[in-house]
Amino acid sequence: MKRRELIRQLISEGCFLYRHGSNHDLYMNPRTGQKAPIPRHKTSRN
C-alpha cells in the first residue's frame, strides 16, 4: 500500500496528524487514543 493511500484511509476513519518525527509521521485516533507511526517512504512492505 502506498503511503498516501494509507494516510487517506486513516483520515477517513477520523485519525489526524499528531506530530512529525525524523523518519515517521505519527497519526492518532481520538476515539481510542492509539497512535500509529507511518514511515515517510513511498511504499510499505505489505
N, C-alpha and C. Protein backbone atom coordinates (compact mmCIF):
# COMPACT_ATOMS: atom_id res chain seq x y z
N MET A 1 0.85 -1.17 0.00
CA MET A 1 0.00 0.00 0.00
C MET A 1 0.90 1.23 0.00
N LYS A 2 0.54 2.18 -0.82
CA LYS A 2 1.31 3.41 -0.86
C LYS A 2 1.00 4.26 0.36
N ARG A 3 1.97 5.05 0.74
CA ARG A 3 1.86 5.90 1.93
C ARG A 3 0.64 6.82 1.84
N ARG A 4 0.46 7.42 0.69
CA ARG A 4 -0.64 8.37 0.51
C ARG A 4 -1.99 7.68 0.68
N GLU A 5 -2.12 6.47 0.17
CA GLU A 5 -3.37 5.72 0.32
C GLU A 5 -3.65 5.41 1.78
N LEU A 6 -2.60 5.04 2.51
CA LEU A 6 -2.75 4.73 3.93
C LEU A 6 -3.19 5.97 4.71
N ILE A 7 -2.59 7.11 4.41
CA ILE A 7 -2.95 8.35 5.10
C ILE A 7 -4.40 8.73 4.81
N ARG A 8 -4.82 8.59 3.56
CA ARG A 8 -6.22 8.89 3.22
C ARG A 8 -7.18 7.99 3.98
N GLN A 9 -6.82 6.73 4.12
CA GLN A 9 -7.67 5.79 4.85
C GLN A 9 -7.73 6.16 6.33
N LEU A 10 -6.59 6.51 6.92
CA LEU A 10 -6.57 6.91 8.33
C LEU A 10 -7.44 8.15 8.56
N ILE A 11 -7.31 9.14 7.69
CA ILE A 11 -8.08 10.37 7.84
C ILE A 11 -9.57 10.10 7.68
N SER A 12 -9.93 9.22 6.76
CA SER A 12 -11.35 8.90 6.58
C SER A 12 -11.93 8.18 7.79
N GLU A 13 -11.08 7.53 8.58
CA GLU A 13 -11.52 6.85 9.80
C GLU A 13 -11.50 7.78 11.01
N GLY A 14 -11.10 9.05 10.82
CA GLY A 14 -11.14 10.02 11.90
C GLY A 14 -9.81 10.31 12.55
N CYS A 15 -8.73 9.72 12.05
CA CYS A 15 -7.40 9.97 12.62
C CYS A 15 -6.89 11.33 12.14
N PHE A 16 -5.91 11.86 12.86
CA PHE A 16 -5.30 13.12 12.47
C PHE A 16 -3.80 13.06 12.71
N LEU A 17 -3.06 13.95 12.06
CA LEU A 17 -1.61 14.00 12.22
C LEU A 17 -1.30 14.53 13.61
N TYR A 18 -0.66 13.71 14.42
CA TYR A 18 -0.33 14.07 15.80
C TYR A 18 0.97 14.85 15.84
N ARG A 19 2.01 14.34 15.14
CA ARG A 19 3.28 15.07 15.07
C ARG A 19 4.15 14.47 13.97
N HIS A 20 5.15 15.25 13.56
CA HIS A 20 6.16 14.79 12.61
C HIS A 20 7.35 14.29 13.41
N GLY A 21 7.87 13.14 13.03
CA GLY A 21 9.11 12.65 13.61
C GLY A 21 10.23 12.83 12.60
N SER A 22 11.40 12.28 12.88
CA SER A 22 12.51 12.44 11.93
C SER A 22 12.31 11.59 10.69
N ASN A 23 11.82 10.36 10.84
CA ASN A 23 11.60 9.46 9.70
C ASN A 23 10.16 9.02 9.55
N HIS A 24 9.33 9.31 10.52
CA HIS A 24 7.94 8.86 10.51
C HIS A 24 7.02 10.01 10.91
N ASP A 25 5.78 9.93 10.47
CA ASP A 25 4.72 10.81 10.96
C ASP A 25 3.86 9.99 11.90
N LEU A 26 3.35 10.61 12.93
CA LEU A 26 2.55 9.90 13.91
C LEU A 26 1.10 10.36 13.79
N TYR A 27 0.21 9.42 13.50
CA TYR A 27 -1.22 9.70 13.39
C TYR A 27 -1.93 9.15 14.61
N MET A 28 -2.95 9.86 15.09
CA MET A 28 -3.65 9.47 16.30
C MET A 28 -5.14 9.31 16.03
N ASN A 29 -5.72 8.29 16.64
CA ASN A 29 -7.16 8.07 16.59
C ASN A 29 -7.74 8.67 17.87
N PRO A 30 -8.53 9.74 17.79
CA PRO A 30 -9.04 10.38 19.00
C PRO A 30 -10.04 9.53 19.77
N ARG A 31 -10.71 8.61 19.10
CA ARG A 31 -11.68 7.75 19.80
C ARG A 31 -11.00 6.74 20.70
N THR A 32 -9.88 6.17 20.25
CA THR A 32 -9.21 5.13 21.02
C THR A 32 -7.96 5.64 21.72
N GLY A 33 -7.41 6.76 21.26
CA GLY A 33 -6.17 7.28 21.83
C GLY A 33 -4.93 6.58 21.30
N GLN A 34 -5.09 5.65 20.37
CA GLN A 34 -3.95 4.93 19.82
C GLN A 34 -3.23 5.78 18.78
N LYS A 35 -1.90 5.63 18.74
CA LYS A 35 -1.07 6.34 17.78
C LYS A 35 -0.43 5.33 16.85
N ALA A 36 -0.32 5.70 15.58
CA ALA A 36 0.27 4.82 14.57
C ALA A 36 1.40 5.55 13.85
N PRO A 37 2.62 5.01 13.90
CA PRO A 37 3.71 5.62 13.14
C PRO A 37 3.61 5.24 11.66
N ILE A 38 3.70 6.22 10.79
CA ILE A 38 3.65 6.00 9.35
C ILE A 38 4.99 6.44 8.77
N PRO A 39 5.75 5.50 8.19
CA PRO A 39 7.06 5.87 7.64
C PRO A 39 6.93 6.80 6.45
N ARG A 40 7.94 7.62 6.24
CA ARG A 40 7.93 8.53 5.11
C ARG A 40 8.61 7.90 3.90
N HIS A 41 8.17 6.71 3.54
CA HIS A 41 8.64 6.03 2.35
C HIS A 41 7.43 5.90 1.43
N LYS A 42 7.66 5.84 0.14
CA LYS A 42 6.53 5.82 -0.79
C LYS A 42 5.71 4.55 -0.69
N THR A 43 6.32 3.41 -0.42
CA THR A 43 5.59 2.15 -0.31
C THR A 43 5.95 1.45 0.98
N SER A 44 5.03 0.64 1.47
CA SER A 44 5.32 -0.17 2.65
C SER A 44 5.64 -1.58 2.19
N ARG A 45 6.08 -2.41 3.09
CA ARG A 45 6.48 -3.77 2.74
C ARG A 45 5.29 -4.69 2.54
N ASN A 46 4.09 -4.29 2.97
CA ASN A 46 2.91 -5.16 2.85
C ASN A 46 2.28 -5.05 1.52
